[in-house]
Amino acid sequence: DFIDLLRLWKADRETTALILIGEIGGTKEEAAADYLRAADYPMAAALEGSGMGLPAIVIGAGPSLSGQLPLLKEVQDQAILLATDASLKPLLRAGVVPDFVLSDEAIDVTDFFDEVDLPDSLSAIFPLKVCPKLFDLPLKRIWLYVESSSPFERVLYHLSGFNAVLPHAYSVSTTAFSFAVRLGCDRILLAGQDLSFP
């Protein structure tokens, strides 16, 4: 089993490299890659309950966001701000610094993070299967979670000691909402979430 081998390798300070030979894209190989990434970053589930008694605002990049920016700036110190990746640039340009930015894309979305200074206080919440380029961004804190559809849920649960799974329903906004629930926020508000269709 690759994970057993990787655990031994991580514990052995004298071995500096390891070569795994397997099937490209195979289940065991993907589990090994997930194990390595999870070993390097904390699991977001460790933050469970840290938002108790505080409201959260889940911020999307819908057309209504521009009109809500002044209010968000006014309340940013009174709530936990959870920004979707696409809303990060407009927020930062308006002087609104979110507490967390969430991205769940396997495709390259680094353009959501360029041309703005990423504040040191910003934490990122990423699933294991997020675009690898996001880990190269100048983010001080990155937390990981397991998507509820991931076949590696049991492995990560065992590794983290927490329920590392966040329900996501294939939307970064629903992941942010699930994260706010996991934080224990007592109210969850939505901004920039234009949920109706003409």
Protein backbone atom coordinates (compact mmCIF):
# COMPACT_ATOMS: atom_id res chain seq x y z
CA ASP A 1 0.00 0.00 0.00
CA PHE A 2 1.47 3.36 -1.03
CA ILE A 3 0.18 5.18 2.05
CA ASP A 4 1.85 2.73 4.41
CA LEU A 5 5.07 3.18 2.44
CA LEU A 6 4.73 6.98 2.54
CA ARG A 7 4.20 6.92 6.32
CA LEU A 8 7.42 4.96 6.72
CA TRP A 9 9.24 7.36 4.39
CA LYS A 10 8.01 10.44 6.28
CA ALA A 11 9.18 8.91 9.57
CA ASP A 12 12.65 7.97 8.22
CA ARG A 13 14.89 11.05 8.40
CA GLU A 14 17.73 9.32 6.54
CA THR A 15 15.77 8.60 3.34
CA THR A 16 15.55 11.76 1.25
CA ALA A 17 13.68 10.50 -1.80
CA LEU A 18 11.15 7.86 -2.75
CA ILE A 19 10.05 6.64 -6.18
CA LEU A 20 6.58 5.16 -6.54
CA ILE A 21 5.75 3.21 -9.66
CA GLY A 22 2.11 2.66 -10.40
CA GLU A 23 -0.78 3.33 -12.74
CA ILE A 24 -1.15 6.97 -13.79
CA GLY A 25 -4.40 8.26 -12.33
CA GLY A 26 -5.04 5.05 -10.43
CA THR A 27 -6.99 5.14 -7.18
CA LYS A 28 -4.03 4.14 -4.99
CA GLU A 29 -1.78 6.66 -6.74
CA GLU A 30 -4.31 9.45 -6.23
CA ALA A 31 -4.67 8.47 -2.57
CA ALA A 32 -0.88 8.69 -2.21
CA ALA A 33 -0.84 12.17 -3.76
CA ASP A 34 -3.67 13.27 -1.47
CA TYR A 35 -1.81 11.87 1.54
CA LEU A 36 1.31 13.87 0.68
CA ARG A 37 -0.62 17.12 0.23
CA ALA A 38 -2.61 16.55 3.42
CA ALA A 39 0.59 15.91 5.35
CA ASP A 40 1.88 19.39 4.41
CA TYR A 41 -1.19 21.48 5.30
CA PRO A 42 -3.60 21.56 8.25
CA MET A 43 -7.17 20.39 7.79
CA ALA A 44 -9.85 23.11 7.91
CA ALA A 45 -11.87 20.91 10.25
CA ALA A 46 -9.41 21.92 13.00
CA LEU A 47 -11.14 25.34 12.94
CA GLU A 48 -14.47 23.77 13.89
CA GLY A 49 -16.33 25.89 16.45
CA SER A 50 -13.90 28.83 16.23
CA GLY A 51 -16.62 31.16 14.91
CA MET A 52 -19.18 30.53 17.65
CA GLY A 53 -21.18 33.62 18.47
CA LEU A 54 -20.07 35.45 15.34
CA PRO A 55 -21.99 36.04 12.14
CA ALA A 56 -20.50 34.97 8.82
CA ILE A 57 -20.97 36.56 5.43
CA VAL A 58 -20.56 34.32 2.38
CA ILE A 59 -19.53 36.59 -0.48
CA GLY A 60 -19.99 35.68 -4.14
CA ALA A 61 -19.08 37.60 -7.27
CA GLY A 62 -22.62 38.22 -8.54
CA PRO A 63 -23.67 41.55 -10.09
CA SER A 64 -25.08 42.79 -6.77
CA LEU A 65 -21.63 42.67 -5.11
CA SER A 66 -20.57 46.11 -6.34
CA GLY A 67 -23.52 47.73 -4.55
CA GLN A 68 -22.81 45.78 -1.36
CA LEU A 69 -19.09 46.67 -1.11
CA PRO A 70 -19.61 49.81 1.06
CA LEU A 71 -21.68 47.83 3.58
CA LEU A 72 -19.15 44.97 3.61
CA LYS A 73 -16.35 47.45 4.30
CA GLU A 74 -18.38 48.87 7.19
CA VAL A 75 -19.03 45.47 8.84
CA GLN A 76 -15.81 43.62 8.00
CA ASP A 77 -14.57 43.76 11.61
CA GLN A 78 -17.90 42.53 12.98
CA ALA A 79 -18.27 39.28 11.02
CA ILE A 80 -16.26 36.45 9.52
CA LEU A 81 -16.00 37.18 5.80
CA LEU A 82 -15.85 34.12 3.54
CA ALA A 83 -15.01 35.15 -0.02
CA THR A 84 -15.36 32.96 -3.07
CA ASP A 85 -12.29 33.06 -5.29
CA ALA A 86 -14.02 35.16 -7.97
CA SER A 87 -15.04 37.81 -5.42
CA LEU A 88 -11.55 38.30 -3.96
CA LYS A 89 -10.26 40.99 -6.38
CA PRO A 90 -13.32 43.28 -6.13
CA LEU A 91 -13.26 42.96 -2.34
CA LEU A 92 -9.57 43.78 -1.95
CA ARG A 93 -9.77 46.66 -4.43
CA ALA A 94 -12.61 48.13 -2.33
CA GLY A 95 -10.58 47.81 0.88
CA VAL A 96 -12.55 44.83 2.17
CA VAL A 97 -10.23 42.15 3.55
CA PRO A 98 -11.95 38.78 3.94
CA ASP A 99 -10.90 36.35 6.63
CA PHE A 100 -11.01 33.39 4.25
CA VAL A 101 -11.00 32.84 0.50
CA LEU A 102 -12.37 29.58 -0.82
CA SER A 103 -11.67 27.96 -4.16
CA ASP A 104 -12.71 24.51 -5.30
CA GLU A 105 -11.61 24.54 -8.93
CA ALA A 106 -9.42 21.84 -10.43
CA ILE A 107 -8.75 24.20 -13.36
CA ASP A 108 -6.31 27.11 -13.20
CA VAL A 109 -8.01 30.06 -11.48
CA THR A 110 -4.85 31.87 -10.36
CA ASP A 111 -6.08 34.93 -12.30
CA PHE A 112 -8.60 35.45 -9.46
CA PHE A 113 -5.58 36.10 -7.19
CA ASP A 114 -3.25 38.17 -9.40
CA GLU A 115 -2.91 41.95 -9.67
CA VAL A 116 -3.81 42.41 -5.98
CA ASP A 117 -1.72 42.24 -2.83
CA LEU A 118 -2.80 39.22 -0.79
CA PRO A 119 -2.92 40.32 2.86
CA ASP A 120 -1.06 38.25 5.45
CA SER A 121 -4.28 37.88 7.43
CA LEU A 122 -6.01 36.06 4.54
CA SER A 123 -6.45 32.31 4.96
CA ALA A 124 -7.28 30.04 2.02
CA ILE A 125 -9.56 27.02 2.20
CA PHE A 126 -8.91 24.49 -0.58
CA PRO A 127 -10.01 20.92 -1.27
CA LEU A 128 -7.33 18.32 -1.92
CA LYS A 129 -8.27 18.27 -5.60
CA VAL A 130 -7.85 22.03 -6.20
CA CYS A 131 -5.61 23.33 -9.00
CA PRO A 132 -2.01 22.69 -7.83
CA LYS A 133 -0.94 26.19 -8.98
CA LEU A 134 -2.95 27.68 -6.10
CA PHE A 135 -0.41 26.26 -3.66
CA ASP A 136 2.26 28.45 -5.28
CA LEU A 137 0.40 31.68 -4.46
CA PRO A 138 1.87 33.92 -1.72
CA LEU A 139 -0.70 32.85 0.86
CA LYS A 140 0.48 32.64 4.48
CA ARG A 141 -2.16 30.11 5.60
CA ILE A 142 -3.75 27.34 3.58
CA TRP A 143 -6.24 24.91 5.10
CA LEU A 144 -7.49 21.78 3.33
CA TYR A 145 -10.75 19.90 3.27
CA VAL A 146 -12.07 16.79 1.60
CA GLU A 147 -14.96 17.17 -0.81
CA SER A 148 -17.91 15.02 0.20
CA SER A 149 -17.66 13.24 -3.16
CA SER A 150 -14.03 12.23 -2.57
CA PRO A 151 -13.30 8.48 -2.36
CA PHE A 152 -10.51 9.25 0.11
CA GLU A 153 -12.78 10.48 2.89
CA ARG A 154 -11.92 7.65 5.29
CA VAL A 155 -8.17 7.99 4.78
CA LEU A 156 -8.22 11.74 5.48
CA TYR A 157 -10.54 11.35 8.44
CA HIS A 158 -8.05 8.91 9.93
CA LEU A 159 -5.08 11.20 9.19
CA SER A 160 -6.59 14.39 10.55
CA GLY A 161 -8.48 13.05 13.52
CA PHE A 162 -11.36 15.31 12.46
CA ASN A 163 -14.26 14.99 10.09
CA ALA A 164 -12.35 16.55 7.19
CA VAL A 165 -15.31 16.45 4.82
CA LEU A 166 -17.18 19.63 3.83
CA PRO A 167 -20.38 19.22 1.82
CA HIS A 168 -20.04 21.30 -1.31
CA ALA A 169 -22.81 20.53 -3.82
CA TYR A 170 -20.40 21.53 -6.58
CA SER A 171 -20.39 25.25 -5.78
CA VAL A 172 -17.77 27.29 -3.96
CA SER A 173 -20.56 29.32 -2.32
CA THR A 174 -22.19 26.21 -0.86
CA THR A 175 -18.76 25.07 0.36
CA ALA A 176 -18.32 28.47 2.04
CA PHE A 177 -21.77 28.10 3.63
CA SER A 178 -20.85 24.61 4.91
CA PHE A 179 -17.59 26.00 6.28
CA ALA A 180 -19.48 28.79 8.13
CA VAL A 181 -21.71 26.12 9.67
CA ARG A 182 -18.61 24.12 10.67
CA LEU A 183 -17.11 27.26 12.24
CA GLY A 184 -20.25 27.50 14.40
CA CYS A 185 -21.30 30.94 13.18
CA ASP A 186 -24.65 31.89 14.66
CA ARG A 187 -25.93 33.75 11.57
CA ILE A 188 -24.89 33.26 7.97
CA LEU A 189 -25.59 36.09 5.55
CA LEU A 190 -25.16 36.08 1.78
CA ALA A 191 -23.68 38.90 -0.33
CA GLY A 192 -23.05 38.97 -4.06
CA GLN A 193 -25.12 35.80 -4.37
CA ASP A 194 -27.47 36.52 -7.22
CA LEU A 195 -29.40 33.29 -6.96
CA SER A 196 -32.36 34.02 -9.22
CA PHE A 197 -32.57 33.77 -12.94
CA PRO A 198 -34.55 36.17 -15.20
